[in-house]
PDB file of N, CA and C in Angstrom:
ATOM      1  N   MET A   1      54.827  97.893  42.568  1.00  0.00           N
ATOM      2  CA  MET A   1      55.376  98.886  43.555  1.00  0.00           C
ATOM      3  C   MET A   1      54.996 100.258  43.004  1.00  0.00           C
ATOM      4  N   SER A   2      54.573 100.788  44.431  1.00  0.00           N
ATOM      5  CA  SER A   2      53.704 102.127  44.637  1.00  0.00           C
ATOM      6  C   SER A   2      55.020 102.988  45.230  1.00  0.00           C
ATOM      7  N   LEU A   3      55.282 104.080  44.548  1.00  0.00           N
ATOM      8  CA  LEU A   3      56.167 105.312  44.730  1.00  0.00           C
ATOM      9  C   LEU A   3      55.367 105.956  45.337  1.00  0.00           C
ATOM     10  N   LEU A   4      56.086 106.934  46.752  1.00  0.00           N
ATOM     11  CA  LEU A   4      55.118 107.954  47.353  1.00  0.00           C
ATOM     12  C   LEU A   4      54.996 109.189  46.793  1.00  0.00           C
ATOM     13  N   SER A   5      56.034 109.130  45.536  1.00  0.00           N
ATOM     14  CA  SER A   5      56.172 110.667  44.526  1.00  0.00           C
ATOM     15  C   SER A   5      55.468 110.117  43.066  1.00  0.00           C
ATOM     16  N   GLY A   6      54.508 109.064  42.940  1.00  0.00           N
ATOM     17  CA  GLY A   6      53.620 108.650  41.848  1.00  0.00           C
ATOM     18  C   GLY A   6      55.015 107.854  41.037  1.00  0.00           C
ATOM     19  N   THR A   7      54.001 107.577  39.804  1.00  0.00           N
ATOM     20  CA  THR A   7      54.685 107.021  38.214  1.00  0.00           C
ATOM     21  C   THR A   7      55.641 108.182  38.218  1.00  0.00           C
ATOM     22  N   GLN A   8      56.957 107.531  37.591  1.00  0.00           N
ATOM     23  CA  GLN A   8      58.141 108.466  37.055  1.00  0.00           C
ATOM     24  C   GLN A   8      58.021 108.203  35.944  1.00  0.00           C
ATOM     25  N   VAL A   9      58.194 109.969  35.285  1.00  0.00           N
ATOM     26  CA  VAL A   9      57.989 109.676  33.662  1.00  0.00           C
ATOM     27  C   VAL A   9      59.654 110.275  33.524  1.00  0.00           C
ATOM     28  N   HIS A  10      60.118 109.582  32.426  1.00  0.00           N
ATOM     29  CA  HIS A  10      61.476 110.100  32.442  1.00  0.00           C
ATOM     30  C   HIS A  10      61.713 110.740  30.730  1.00  0.00           C
ATOM     31  N   LEU A  11      62.123 111.341  30.693  1.00  0.00           N
ATOM     32  CA  LEU A  11      62.622 112.428  29.535  1.00  0.00           C
ATOM     33  C   LEU A  11      64.068 112.619  29.239  1.00  0.00           C
ATOM     34  N   SER A  12      64.308 112.580  27.973  1.00  0.00           N
ATOM     35  CA  SER A  12      66.051 112.974  27.608  1.00  0.00           C
ATOM     36  C   SER A  12      66.131 113.427  26.304  1.00  0.00           C
ATOM     37  N   ARG A  13      67.085 113.825  25.677  1.00  0.00           N
ATOM     38  CA  ARG A  13      67.422 114.765  24.610  1.00  0.00           C
ATOM     39  C   ARG A  13      68.643 115.289  24.564  1.00  0.00           C
ATOM     40  N   GLY A  14      69.698 114.389  23.908  1.00  0.00           N
ATOM     41  CA  GLY A  14      71.110 115.049  23.656  1.00  0.00           C
ATOM     42  C   GLY A  14      71.828 114.776  25.315  1.00  0.00           C
ATOM     43  N   GLY A  15      72.289 115.667  26.072  1.00  0.00           N
ATOM     44  CA  GLY A  15      72.535 115.353  27.264  1.00  0.00           C
ATOM     45  C   GLY A  15      71.874 115.786  28.704  1.00  0.00           C
ATOM     46  N   GLN A  16      70.611 116.093  27.883  1.00  0.00           N
ATOM     47  CA  GLN A  16      69.608 116.349  29.487  1.00  0.00           C
ATOM     48  C   GLN A  16      68.918 115.432  29.645  1.00  0.00           C
ATOM     49  N   ARG A  17      68.996 115.251  30.660  1.00  0.00           N
ATOM     50  CA  ARG A  17      67.935 114.213  31.465  1.00  0.00           C
ATOM     51  C   ARG A  17      66.850 115.040  32.393  1.00  0.00           C
ATOM     52  N   ALA A  18      65.878 114.432  32.718  1.00  0.00           N
ATOM     53  CA  ALA A  18      64.509 115.087  33.466  1.00  0.00           C
ATOM     54  C   ALA A  18      63.457 113.456  33.817  1.00  0.00           C
ATOM     55  N   THR A  19      63.102 113.974  34.932  1.00  0.00           N
ATOM     56  CA  THR A  19      62.378 112.983  35.849  1.00  0.00           C
ATOM     57  C   THR A  19      61.039 113.603  36.327  1.00  0.00           C
ATOM     58  N   ILE A  20      60.025 113.422  35.810  1.00  0.00           N
ATOM     59  CA  ILE A  20      58.861 113.879  36.240  1.00  0.00           C
ATOM     60  C   ILE A  20      58.108 112.885  37.147  1.00  0.00           C
ATOM     61  N   ALA A  21      57.837 113.456  38.271  1.00  0.00           N
ATOM     62  CA  ALA A  21      57.077 112.309  39.266  1.00  0.00           C
ATOM     63  C   ALA A  21      55.331 113.012  39.307  1.00  0.00           C
ATOM     64  N   THR A  22      54.327 112.203  38.883  1.00  0.00           N
ATOM     65  CA  THR A  22      53.132 112.132  38.598  1.00  0.00           C
ATOM     66  C   THR A  22      52.666 112.874  40.431  1.00  0.00           C
ATOM     67  N   VAL A  23      52.847 112.411  41.281  1.00  0.00           N
ATOM     68  CA  VAL A  23      52.214 113.218  42.589  1.00  0.00           C
ATOM     69  C   VAL A  23      52.715 114.939  42.680  1.00  0.00           C
ATOM     70  N   GLY A  24      51.818 115.755  42.200  1.00  0.00           N
ATOM     71  CA  GLY A  24      52.483 117.328  41.616  1.00  0.00           C
ATOM     72  C   GLY A  24      53.099 117.732  40.940  1.00  0.00           C
ATOM     73  N   ALA A  25      53.198 116.962  40.103  1.00  0.00           N
ATOM     74  CA  ALA A  25      53.841 117.240  38.271  1.00  0.00           C
ATOM     75  C   ALA A  25      55.101 117.741  38.741  1.00  0.00           C
ATOM     76  N   ALA A  26      55.851 116.968  39.753  1.00  0.00           N
ATOM     77  CA  ALA A  26      57.215 117.359  40.334  1.00  0.00           C
ATOM     78  C   ALA A  26      58.430 117.124  39.421  1.00  0.00           C
ATOM     79  N   LEU A  27      59.144 118.112  39.278  1.00  0.00           N
ATOM     80  CA  LEU A  27      60.125 117.787  38.917  1.00  0.00           C
ATOM     81  C   LEU A  27      61.345 117.084  39.314  1.00  0.00           C
ATOM     82  N   ARG A  28      61.527 115.833  39.430  1.00  0.00           N
ATOM     83  CA  ARG A  28      62.274 115.431  40.350  1.00  0.00           C
ATOM     84  C   ARG A  28      63.697 115.108  40.148  1.00  0.00           C
ATOM     85  N   GLU A  29      63.821 115.081  38.881  1.00  0.00           N
ATOM     86  CA  GLU A  29      65.240 115.293  38.694  1.00  0.00           C
ATOM     87  C   GLU A  29      65.716 115.830  36.795  1.00  0.00           C
ATOM     88  N   PHE A  30      66.673 116.870  37.204  1.00  0.00           N
ATOM     89  CA  PHE A  30      67.270 117.504  35.821  1.00  0.00           C
ATOM     90  C   PHE A  30      68.458 117.770  36.055  1.00  0.00           C
ATOM     91  N   SER A  31      69.272 117.110  34.999  1.00  0.00           N
ATOM     92  CA  SER A  31      70.505 117.141  34.573  1.00  0.00           C
ATOM     93  C   SER A  31      70.980 117.378  33.409  1.00  0.00           C
ATOM     94  N   VAL A  32      72.168 117.870  33.382  1.00  0.00           N
ATOM     95  CA  VAL A  32      72.862 118.396  31.824  1.00  0.00           C
ATOM     96  C   VAL A  32      74.080 117.802  31.713  1.00  0.00           C
ATOM     97  N   ASP A  33      74.172 117.006  30.818  1.00  0.00           N
ATOM     98  CA  ASP A  33      75.689 116.421  30.744  1.00  0.00           C
ATOM     99  C   ASP A  33      76.360 115.998  32.135  1.00  0.00           C
ATOM    100  N   GLY A  34      75.007 115.069  32.616  1.00  0.00           N
ATOM    101  CA  GLY A  34      75.824 114.757  34.354  1.00  0.00           C
ATOM    102  C   GLY A  34      75.610 115.702  35.458  1.00  0.00           C
ATOM    103  N   SER A  35      75.601 116.757  35.158  1.00  0.00           N
ATOM    104  CA  SER A  35      75.122 117.844  36.460  1.00  0.00           C
ATOM    105  C   SER A  35      73.974 117.848  36.675  1.00  0.00           C
ATOM    106  N   ASP A  36      73.597 117.883  37.793  1.00  0.00           N
ATOM    107  CA  ASP A  36      72.312 118.093  38.549  1.00  0.00           C
ATOM    108  C   ASP A  36      72.132 120.078  38.607  1.00  0.00           C
ATOM    109  N   VAL A  37      70.918 120.096  37.635  1.00  0.00           N
ATOM    110  CA  VAL A  37      70.307 121.483  37.605  1.00  0.00           C
ATOM    111  C   VAL A  37      69.866 122.030  38.556  1.00  0.00           C
ATOM    112  N   ILE A  38      68.807 120.875  39.177  1.00  0.00           N
ATOM    113  CA  ILE A  38      68.115 121.495  40.466  1.00  0.00           C
ATOM    114  C   ILE A  38      68.603 120.209  41.374  1.00  0.00           C
ATOM    115  N   VAL A  39      67.949 120.485  42.555  1.00  0.00           N
ATOM    116  CA  VAL A  39      68.524 119.432  43.666  1.00  0.00           C
ATOM    117  C   VAL A  39      67.682 118.005  43.699  1.00  0.00           C
ATOM    118  N   PRO A  40      68.029 117.077  43.286  1.00  0.00           N
ATOM    119  CA  PRO A  40      66.956 115.966  43.067  1.00  0.00           C
ATOM    120  C   PRO A  40      66.162 115.297  44.158  1.00  0.00           C
ATOM    121  N   PHE A  41      65.039 114.532  44.196  1.00  0.00           N
ATOM    122  CA  PHE A  41      64.964 113.723  45.572  1.00  0.00           C
ATOM    123  C   PHE A  41      64.400 112.311  44.958  1.00  0.00           C
ATOM    124  N   ALA A  42      64.495 111.479  46.170  1.00  0.00           N
ATOM    125  CA  ALA A  42      64.047 110.383  45.681  1.00  0.00           C
ATOM    126  C   ALA A  42      62.803 109.762  45.344  1.00  0.00           C
ATOM    127  N   ALA A  43      62.708 109.004  44.500  1.00  0.00           N
ATOM    128  CA  ALA A  43      61.276 108.738  43.973  1.00  0.00           C
ATOM    129  C   ALA A  43      60.430 107.851  45.147  1.00  0.00           C
ATOM    130  N   ASP A  44      61.104 107.628  46.187  1.00  0.00           N
ATOM    131  CA  ASP A  44      60.368 106.645  47.420  1.00  0.00           C
ATOM    132  C   ASP A  44      59.898 107.926  48.616  1.00  0.00           C
ATOM    133  N   GLU A  45      59.988 109.500  47.847  1.00  0.00           N
ATOM    134  CA  GLU A  45      59.800 110.032  48.660  1.00  0.00           C
ATOM    135  C   GLU A  45      59.051 111.609  48.222  1.00  0.00           C
ATOM    136  N   VAL A  46      58.185 112.216  49.267  1.00  0.00           N
ATOM    137  CA  VAL A  46      57.520 113.355  48.681  1.00  0.00           C
ATOM    138  C   VAL A  46      58.443 114.458  48.360  1.00  0.00           C
ATOM    139  N   ALA A  47      58.536 115.143  47.459  1.00  0.00           N
ATOM    140  CA  ALA A  47      59.044 116.436  47.435  1.00  0.00           C
ATOM    141  C   ALA A  47      59.372 117.480  48.389  1.00  0.00           C
ATOM    142  N   PRO A  48      60.658 117.315  49.105  1.00  0.00           N
ATOM    143  CA  PRO A  48      60.545 118.277  50.148  1.00  0.00           C
ATOM    144  C   PRO A  48      60.383 119.627  49.952  1.00  0.00           C
ATOM    145  N   ALA A  49      59.583 120.530  50.992  1.00  0.00           N
ATOM    146  CA  ALA A  49      59.297 121.820  50.664  1.00  0.00           C
ATOM    147  C   ALA A  49      59.063 122.059  49.429  1.00  0.00           C
ATOM    148  N   PHE A  50      58.064 121.068  48.464  1.00  0.00           N
ATOM    149  CA  PHE A  50      57.525 121.315  47.520  1.00  0.00           C
ATOM    150  C   PHE A  50      58.532 121.774  46.411  1.00  0.00           C
ATOM    151  N   HIS A  51      59.812 120.996  46.582  1.00  0.00           N
ATOM    152  CA  HIS A  51      60.746 121.692  45.553  1.00  0.00           C
ATOM    153  C   HIS A  51      60.614 121.097  43.701  1.00  0.00           C
ATOM    154  N   GLY A  52      60.573 121.975  43.095  1.00  0.00           N
ATOM    155  CA  GLY A  52      60.314 121.228  41.594  1.00  0.00           C
ATOM    156  C   GLY A  52      58.591 120.986  41.315  1.00  0.00           C
ATOM    157  N   MET A  53      57.583 121.418  42.310  1.00  0.00           N
ATOM    158  CA  MET A  53      56.192 121.160  42.210  1.00  0.00           C
ATOM    159  C   MET A  53      55.532 122.369  41.583  1.00  0.00           C
ATOM    160  N   VAL A  54      54.421 122.305  40.924  1.00  0.00           N
ATOM    161  CA  VAL A  54      53.871 123.577  40.378  1.00  0.00           C
ATOM    162  C   VAL A  54      52.819 123.629  41.158  1.00  0.00           C
ATOM    163  N   LEU A  55      53.157 125.154  41.230  1.00  0.00           N
ATOM    164  CA  LEU A  55      52.718 126.153  42.240  1.00  0.00           C
ATOM    165  C   LEU A  55      51.255 126.661  41.686  1.00  0.00           C
ATOM    166  N   ALA A  56      50.098 126.461  41.618  1.00  0.00           N
ATOM    167  CA  ALA A  56      48.736 127.146  41.534  1.00  0.00           C
ATOM    168  C   ALA A  56      47.923 127.539  42.222  1.00  0.00           C
ATOM    169  N   PRO A  57      47.234 128.690  42.324  1.00  0.00           N
ATOM    170  CA  PRO A  57      47.482 129.526  40.970  1.00  0.00           C
ATOM    171  C   PRO A  57      48.493 130.578  40.842  1.00  0.00           C
ATOM    172  N   TRP A  58      49.348 130.472  40.816  1.00  0.00           N
ATOM    173  CA  TRP A  58      50.592 130.668  40.756  1.00  0.00           C
ATOM    174  C   TRP A  58      50.430 132.423  41.389  1.00  0.00           C
ATOM    175  N   PRO A  59      51.102 132.378  42.650  1.00  0.00           N
ATOM    176  CA  PRO A  59      51.113 133.184  43.670  1.00  0.00           C
ATOM    177  C   PRO A  59      51.824 134.481  43.307  1.00  0.00           C
ATOM    178  N   ASN A  60      52.790 134.277  43.046  1.00  0.00           N
ATOM    179  CA  ASN A  60      53.713 135.386  42.753  1.00  0.00           C
ATOM    180  C   ASN A  60      53.400 136.149  41.432  1.00  0.00           C
ATOM    181  N   ARG A  61      52.041 135.609  40.550  1.00  0.00           N
ATOM    182  CA  ARG A  61      51.547 136.586  39.916  1.00  0.00           C
ATOM    183  C   ARG A  61      50.376 137.235  40.174  1.00  0.00           C
ATOM    184  N   LEU A  62      50.182 137.488  41.170  1.00  0.00           N
ATOM    185  CA  LEU A  62      48.725 137.541  41.428  1.00  0.00           C
ATOM    186  C   LEU A  62      49.103 139.130  42.452  1.00  0.00           C
ATOM    187  N   ALA A  63      48.120 139.978  42.013  1.00  0.00           N
ATOM    188  CA  ALA A  63      48.256 141.423  42.733  1.00  0.00           C
ATOM    189  C   ALA A  63      48.317 141.078  44.013  1.00  0.00           C
ATOM    190  N   ASP A  64      49.097 141.837  44.599  1.00  0.00           N
ATOM    191  CA  ASP A  64      49.379 141.524  46.050  1.00  0.00           C
ATOM    192  C   ASP A  64      49.838 140.254  46.844  1.00  0.00           C
ATOM    193  N   GLY A  65      49.542 139.264  46.222  1.00  0.00           N
ATOM    194  CA  GLY A  65      49.903 138.098  46.487  1.00  0.00           C
ATOM    195  C   GLY A  65      48.420 137.168  46.886  1.00  0.00           C
ATOM    196  N   ARG A  66      47.669 137.717  46.457  1.00  0.00           N
ATOM    197  CA  ARG A  66      46.259 137.709  47.347  1.00  0.00           C
ATOM    198  C   ARG A  66      45.320 137.007  46.375  1.00  0.00           C
ATOM    199  N   TYR A  67      44.061 136.033  46.612  1.00  0.00           N
ATOM    200  CA  TYR A  67      43.308 135.394  45.712  1.00  0.00           C
ATOM    201  C   TYR A  67      42.499 134.724  46.405  1.00  0.00           C
ATOM    202  N   SER A  68      41.059 134.287  45.847  1.00  0.00           N
ATOM    203  CA  SER A  68      40.031 133.669  46.849  1.00  0.00           C
ATOM    204  C   SER A  68      40.050 132.495  46.031  1.00  0.00           C
ATOM    205  N   PHE A  69      39.634 131.142  46.830  1.00  0.00           N
ATOM    206  CA  PHE A  69      39.523 129.544  46.206  1.00  0.00           C
ATOM    207  C   PHE A  69      38.704 129.285  47.088  1.00  0.00           C
ATOM    208  N   GLY A  70      37.736 128.455  46.479  1.00  0.00           N
ATOM    209  CA  GLY A  70      37.188 127.687  47.766  1.00  0.00           C
ATOM    210  C   GLY A  70      36.431 128.414  48.427  1.00  0.00           C
ATOM    211  N   GLY A  71      35.455 129.561  48.671  1.00  0.00           N
ATOM    212  CA  GLY A  71      34.934 130.362  48.927  1.00  0.00           C
ATOM    213  C   GLY A  71      35.990 130.926  50.155  1.00  0.00           C
ATOM    214  N   ARG A  72      37.385 130.741  50.614  1.00  0.00           N
ATOM    215  CA  ARG A  72      38.672 131.359  51.373  1.00  0.00           C
ATOM    216  C   ARG A  72      39.164 132.684  50.538  1.00  0.00           C
ATOM    217  N   ASP A  73      39.529 133.245  51.275  1.00  0.00           N
ATOM    218  CA  ASP A  73      40.698 134.392  51.173  1.00  0.00           C
ATOM    219  C   ASP A  73      41.985 134.251  51.491  1.00  0.00           C
ATOM    220  N   LEU A  74      42.815 133.927  50.740  1.00  0.00           N
ATOM    221  CA  LEU A  74      44.215 133.152  50.913  1.00  0.00           C
ATOM    222  C   LEU A  74      45.053 134.590  50.222  1.00  0.00           C
TER     223      LEU A  74
END
């Protein structure tokens, strides 16, 4: 079965649990001692509003929030 968010990678240590979806390297679930730290999303959906996804090239760390990519000024 193929999930919209890709392969699910489950990590745990002590009371911490995380699920990373391979589409966008999205943090799909993260909880500590059974309490959600982030708003989770289902494995059969794409991260809503890019929640938990890696944003590159890190627009919040660029001068004036501008950069060039693929010949376009963004």
